[in-house]
């Protein structure tokens, strides 16, 4: 049977593991997931500014499920790895604020089996009314969406991006050694969404349709830009390991895997 945790029924257990990690049985292996934006962006106050002169004032997404897939030789495709017995999974929904770098409920430390893991998978899902976690308002902009982003282009043009479709992401290690989690230790990993490349391939904002001076990008407005952003979320997402144990994403951290379409 697949090993899994559910944020609704098992949230106290997740929090307990985080608090008690230091006093756990010697040799236990933990993973702590931190979701963040790209390291090339600069945080100013309550906003993120990237080199493309785009300021993100709101950037939230909903992760419904996180999964680690075991393997023997990660450089070789193994169909048996898709069996439930070869997967570790914990379920949300987790509402992630990329600017504040916080998740509700918290993506805290979880204990995993000592094994070689080849793939990291997760899902972005629309946040339904009956799944809103405690701490998120019923009227929050992320409700009924899987991704909600607001910002300003070139200091003049506000924009709103809304995705309300479910998206599956898969990141695979190209190394035979896999994702290289250290057994018997706490492993901090960073799931990075590269906001700096979110609009790569999107036409100039001057060419996008506006409503009341605002550029809306969703399945009903500026559809080509919408499709491009959906693909960019996958293409430019990456997984890093906190190699220098400073609890921050920086140039010293090793890339474990990257996204794909």
Protein backbone atom coordinates (compact mmCIF):
# COMPACT_ATOMS: atom_id res chain seq x y z
CA UNK A 1 0.00 0.00 0.00
CA UNK A 2 1.15 3.52 -0.78
CA UNK A 3 2.52 5.50 2.16
CA UNK A 4 0.69 8.80 2.48
CA UNK A 5 -0.27 11.62 4.79
CA UNK A 6 -3.38 13.77 4.40
CA UNK A 7 -3.28 17.41 5.49
CA UNK A 8 -6.87 17.25 6.77
CA UNK A 9 -6.75 14.07 8.82
CA UNK A 10 -3.01 14.01 9.54
CA UNK A 11 -2.12 17.67 10.04
CA UNK A 12 -1.43 17.21 13.76
CA UNK A 13 0.93 14.37 12.86
CA UNK A 14 2.80 16.56 10.36
CA UNK A 15 3.17 19.32 12.93
CA UNK A 16 4.24 16.80 15.56
CA UNK A 17 6.97 15.41 13.34
CA UNK A 18 8.29 18.91 12.73
CA UNK A 19 8.45 19.69 16.44
CA UNK A 20 9.85 16.35 17.49
CA UNK A 21 12.35 15.83 14.66
CA UNK A 22 15.35 16.48 16.87
CA UNK A 23 14.21 13.94 19.46
CA UNK A 24 13.15 11.23 17.00
CA UNK A 25 14.71 7.82 16.87
CA UNK A 26 18.32 8.06 15.75
CA UNK A 27 18.66 7.31 12.07
CA UNK A 28 15.24 8.60 11.00
CA UNK A 29 15.21 10.40 7.65
CA UNK A 30 13.14 13.55 7.17
CA UNK A 31 12.30 15.81 4.25
CA UNK A 32 11.21 19.44 4.64
CA UNK A 33 9.74 21.06 1.52
CA UNK A 34 9.97 24.81 1.02
CA UNK A 35 8.18 26.35 -1.96
CA UNK A 36 9.62 29.59 -3.28
CA UNK A 37 10.11 31.82 -6.32
CA UNK A 38 13.25 32.01 -8.44
CA UNK A 39 16.48 33.16 -6.78
CA UNK A 40 17.03 35.76 -9.54
CA UNK A 41 14.07 37.81 -8.37
CA UNK A 42 14.31 40.49 -5.71
CA UNK A 43 11.86 40.82 -2.85
CA UNK A 44 10.90 44.42 -2.10
CA UNK A 45 8.41 44.85 0.71
CA UNK A 46 5.41 42.69 -0.13
CA UNK A 47 6.29 42.25 -3.79
CA UNK A 48 8.76 40.44 -6.05
CA UNK A 49 10.50 42.27 -8.88
CA UNK A 50 12.26 40.29 -11.59
CA UNK A 51 14.79 41.42 -14.24
CA UNK A 52 12.00 41.74 -16.86
CA UNK A 53 10.59 44.76 -15.02
CA UNK A 54 7.55 42.81 -13.87
CA UNK A 55 6.43 43.29 -10.29
CA UNK A 56 4.46 40.45 -8.69
CA UNK A 57 2.31 41.66 -5.79
CA UNK A 58 0.34 38.42 -5.32
CA UNK A 59 1.54 34.94 -6.28
CA UNK A 60 -0.34 31.99 -4.83
CA UNK A 61 -0.87 28.40 -5.87
CA UNK A 62 -2.53 25.27 -4.54
CA UNK A 63 -0.56 22.03 -4.20
CA UNK A 64 -2.95 19.14 -3.70
CA UNK A 65 -0.45 16.30 -3.55
CA UNK A 66 3.30 15.68 -3.23
CA UNK A 67 4.83 12.35 -4.16
CA UNK A 68 8.31 10.81 -4.03
CA UNK A 69 8.91 7.81 -6.27
CA UNK A 70 11.47 5.16 -5.39
CA UNK A 71 13.83 3.45 -7.79
CA UNK A 72 16.95 1.31 -8.02
CA UNK A 73 18.86 2.98 -10.85
CA UNK A 74 17.43 6.43 -11.53
CA UNK A 75 19.14 6.67 -14.90
CA UNK A 76 16.95 3.82 -16.19
CA UNK A 77 13.18 4.05 -16.66
CA UNK A 78 11.45 1.55 -14.37
CA UNK A 79 7.74 0.94 -14.96
CA UNK A 80 7.40 -0.88 -11.64
CA UNK A 81 8.29 2.38 -9.86
CA UNK A 82 4.75 3.55 -10.57
CA UNK A 83 3.36 0.93 -8.18
CA UNK A 84 1.83 2.36 -5.03
CA UNK A 85 4.28 0.39 -2.91
CA UNK A 86 7.16 2.36 -4.47
CA UNK A 87 5.73 5.79 -3.69
CA UNK A 88 5.68 8.06 -0.67
CA UNK A 89 2.86 10.59 -0.79
CA UNK A 90 1.33 13.31 1.33
CA UNK A 91 -1.81 15.17 0.40
CA UNK A 92 -3.14 18.70 0.74
CA UNK A 93 -4.50 21.00 -0.32
CA UNK A 94 -1.64 23.32 0.63
CA UNK A 95 -2.15 26.99 -0.26
CA UNK A 96 1.30 28.43 -1.01
CA UNK A 97 2.20 32.12 -0.97
CA UNK A 98 5.34 32.44 -3.12
CA UNK A 99 6.04 36.00 -1.97
CA UNK A 100 5.74 35.32 1.76
CA UNK A 101 7.23 31.82 1.24
CA UNK A 102 4.58 30.27 3.46
CA UNK A 103 2.10 27.44 3.07
CA UNK A 104 -1.26 26.83 4.76
CA UNK A 105 -1.18 24.28 6.29
CA UNK A 106 2.57 24.17 6.78
CA UNK A 107 4.70 21.89 4.59
CA UNK A 108 6.69 20.79 7.60
CA UNK A 109 9.13 17.94 8.11
CA UNK A 110 7.84 14.49 7.22
CA UNK A 111 9.58 11.20 7.93
CA UNK A 112 10.29 9.12 4.85
CA UNK A 113 11.57 5.60 4.33
CA UNK A 114 15.29 5.18 3.81
CA UNK A 115 15.39 4.53 0.08
CA UNK A 116 16.61 5.87 -3.25
CA UNK A 117 14.11 8.30 -4.75
CA UNK A 118 14.19 9.04 -8.47
CA UNK A 119 11.18 11.27 -9.09
CA UNK A 120 9.47 14.15 -7.38
CA UNK A 121 5.84 14.66 -8.38
CA UNK A 122 3.19 17.13 -7.34
CA UNK A 123 -0.18 18.40 -8.47
CA UNK A 124 -1.61 21.88 -8.71
CA UNK A 125 -5.37 21.65 -8.23
CA UNK A 126 -8.26 24.08 -8.20
CA UNK A 127 -9.16 24.94 -4.60
CA UNK A 128 -12.78 23.89 -4.20
CA UNK A 129 -15.13 25.56 -1.72
CA UNK A 130 -15.36 22.43 0.42
CA UNK A 131 -11.56 21.98 0.62
CA UNK A 132 -10.48 25.40 1.91
CA UNK A 133 -7.97 24.79 4.72
CA UNK A 134 -8.25 26.54 8.07
CA UNK A 135 -6.49 29.88 7.88
CA UNK A 136 -7.62 30.67 4.32
CA UNK A 137 -10.62 32.93 3.87
CA UNK A 138 -13.64 31.67 1.94
CA UNK A 139 -13.41 34.85 -0.14
CA UNK A 140 -9.68 34.59 -0.87
CA UNK A 141 -8.69 35.14 -4.50
CA UNK A 142 -7.11 31.68 -4.71
CA UNK A 143 -10.47 29.96 -4.09
CA UNK A 144 -11.76 28.33 -7.31
CA UNK A 145 -8.25 28.62 -8.79
CA UNK A 146 -5.08 26.54 -8.79
CA UNK A 147 -2.87 29.59 -9.47
CA UNK A 148 -3.62 33.26 -8.80
CA UNK A 149 -1.12 36.00 -9.64
CA UNK A 150 -1.36 39.79 -9.63
CA UNK A 151 1.26 42.30 -10.64
CA UNK A 152 2.29 45.34 -12.64
CA UNK A 153 4.16 45.37 -15.93
CA UNK A 154 6.63 48.19 -16.60
CA UNK A 155 5.24 50.15 -13.63
CA UNK A 156 2.12 51.04 -15.65
CA UNK A 157 0.00 48.03 -16.62
CA UNK A 158 -1.64 45.86 -13.95
CA UNK A 159 -2.30 42.22 -14.74
CA UNK A 160 -4.12 39.26 -13.23
CA UNK A 161 -3.33 35.62 -14.06
CA UNK A 162 -5.79 32.90 -13.06
CA UNK A 163 -5.47 29.17 -13.70
CA UNK A 164 -8.35 26.98 -12.61
CA UNK A 165 -7.25 23.72 -14.20
CA UNK A 166 -5.47 20.80 -12.55
CA UNK A 167 -1.84 20.33 -13.53
CA UNK A 168 0.45 17.33 -12.93
CA UNK A 169 4.16 18.03 -12.52
CA UNK A 170 6.97 15.48 -12.64
CA UNK A 171 10.64 16.13 -11.94
CA UNK A 172 13.09 13.33 -12.55
CA UNK A 173 16.69 13.04 -11.45
CA UNK A 174 19.10 12.37 -14.31
CA UNK A 175 21.65 10.91 -11.91
CA UNK A 176 21.81 7.19 -11.19
CA UNK A 177 22.01 8.09 -7.50
CA UNK A 178 18.64 9.83 -7.61
CA UNK A 179 17.53 12.77 -5.51
CA UNK A 180 20.33 12.11 -3.03
CA UNK A 181 18.54 12.47 0.29
CA UNK A 182 20.89 11.90 3.21
CA UNK A 183 19.66 8.98 5.29
CA UNK A 184 19.33 9.64 9.00
CA UNK A 185 19.16 13.40 8.54
CA UNK A 186 16.75 16.27 7.91
CA UNK A 187 16.84 17.12 4.19
CA UNK A 188 15.53 20.55 3.19
CA UNK A 189 14.53 20.81 -0.46
CA UNK A 190 13.30 23.83 -2.40
CA UNK A 191 10.55 23.62 -4.99
CA UNK A 192 11.20 26.69 -7.14
CA UNK A 193 8.73 28.36 -9.49
CA UNK A 194 10.72 30.67 -11.75
CA UNK A 195 8.55 33.78 -11.88
CA UNK A 196 11.28 35.49 -13.89
CA UNK A 197 10.45 33.25 -16.85
CA UNK A 198 6.70 33.05 -16.31
CA UNK A 199 5.98 35.33 -19.27
CA UNK A 200 8.68 34.00 -21.59
CA UNK A 201 7.16 33.65 -25.05
CA UNK A 202 4.17 35.85 -24.20
CA UNK A 203 3.52 38.74 -26.61
CA UNK A 204 4.27 42.25 -25.45
CA UNK A 205 1.74 43.46 -22.93
CA UNK A 206 0.82 46.25 -25.32
CA UNK A 207 -0.60 43.60 -27.65
CA UNK A 208 -2.67 41.84 -25.00
CA UNK A 209 -6.35 42.56 -24.53
CA UNK A 210 -7.25 44.76 -21.59
CA UNK A 211 -10.41 45.35 -19.61
CA UNK A 212 -10.55 48.66 -17.78
CA UNK A 213 -6.80 49.05 -18.17
CA UNK A 214 -6.08 45.63 -16.63
CA UNK A 215 -4.64 42.65 -18.54
CA UNK A 216 -6.53 39.51 -17.54
CA UNK A 217 -4.93 36.20 -18.48
CA UNK A 218 -7.16 33.18 -17.97
CA UNK A 219 -8.94 30.55 -20.02
CA UNK A 220 -11.41 33.16 -21.30
CA UNK A 221 -9.04 36.10 -21.85
CA UNK A 222 -5.75 36.25 -23.77
CA UNK A 223 -5.89 32.49 -24.30
CA UNK A 224 -2.51 32.21 -26.07
CA UNK A 225 -0.75 33.88 -23.16
CA UNK A 226 -2.68 31.61 -20.80
CA UNK A 227 -1.44 28.47 -22.58
CA UNK A 228 2.13 29.78 -22.63
CA UNK A 229 2.12 30.54 -18.90
CA UNK A 230 0.75 27.07 -18.13
CA UNK A 231 3.67 25.51 -20.00
CA UNK A 232 6.21 27.88 -18.43
CA UNK A 233 5.11 26.89 -14.94
CA UNK A 234 6.21 23.36 -15.76
CA UNK A 235 9.25 24.12 -17.89
CA UNK A 236 10.83 26.54 -15.44
CA UNK A 237 10.09 24.76 -12.17
CA UNK A 238 13.06 23.16 -10.43
CA UNK A 239 13.96 21.21 -7.32
CA UNK A 240 17.02 22.11 -5.25
CA UNK A 241 18.67 20.64 -2.18
CA UNK A 242 19.82 22.90 0.66
CA UNK A 243 23.40 21.74 0.22
CA UNK A 244 24.96 24.18 2.69
CA UNK A 245 22.24 23.75 5.35
CA UNK A 246 21.53 27.47 5.70
CA UNK A 247 17.78 27.08 5.16
CA UNK A 248 17.90 29.54 2.24
CA UNK A 249 17.97 29.06 -1.52
CA UNK A 250 21.26 30.33 -2.93
CA UNK A 251 23.93 29.64 -5.55
CA UNK A 252 25.58 27.00 -3.36
CA UNK A 253 22.54 24.71 -3.46
CA UNK A 254 22.50 21.75 -5.85
CA UNK A 255 19.77 21.28 -8.45
CA UNK A 256 18.16 17.86 -7.99
CA UNK A 257 15.69 17.88 -10.87
CA UNK A 258 13.85 20.21 -13.22
CA UNK A 259 10.38 20.38 -14.72
CA UNK A 260 9.20 19.12 -18.08
CA UNK A 261 6.20 19.55 -20.31
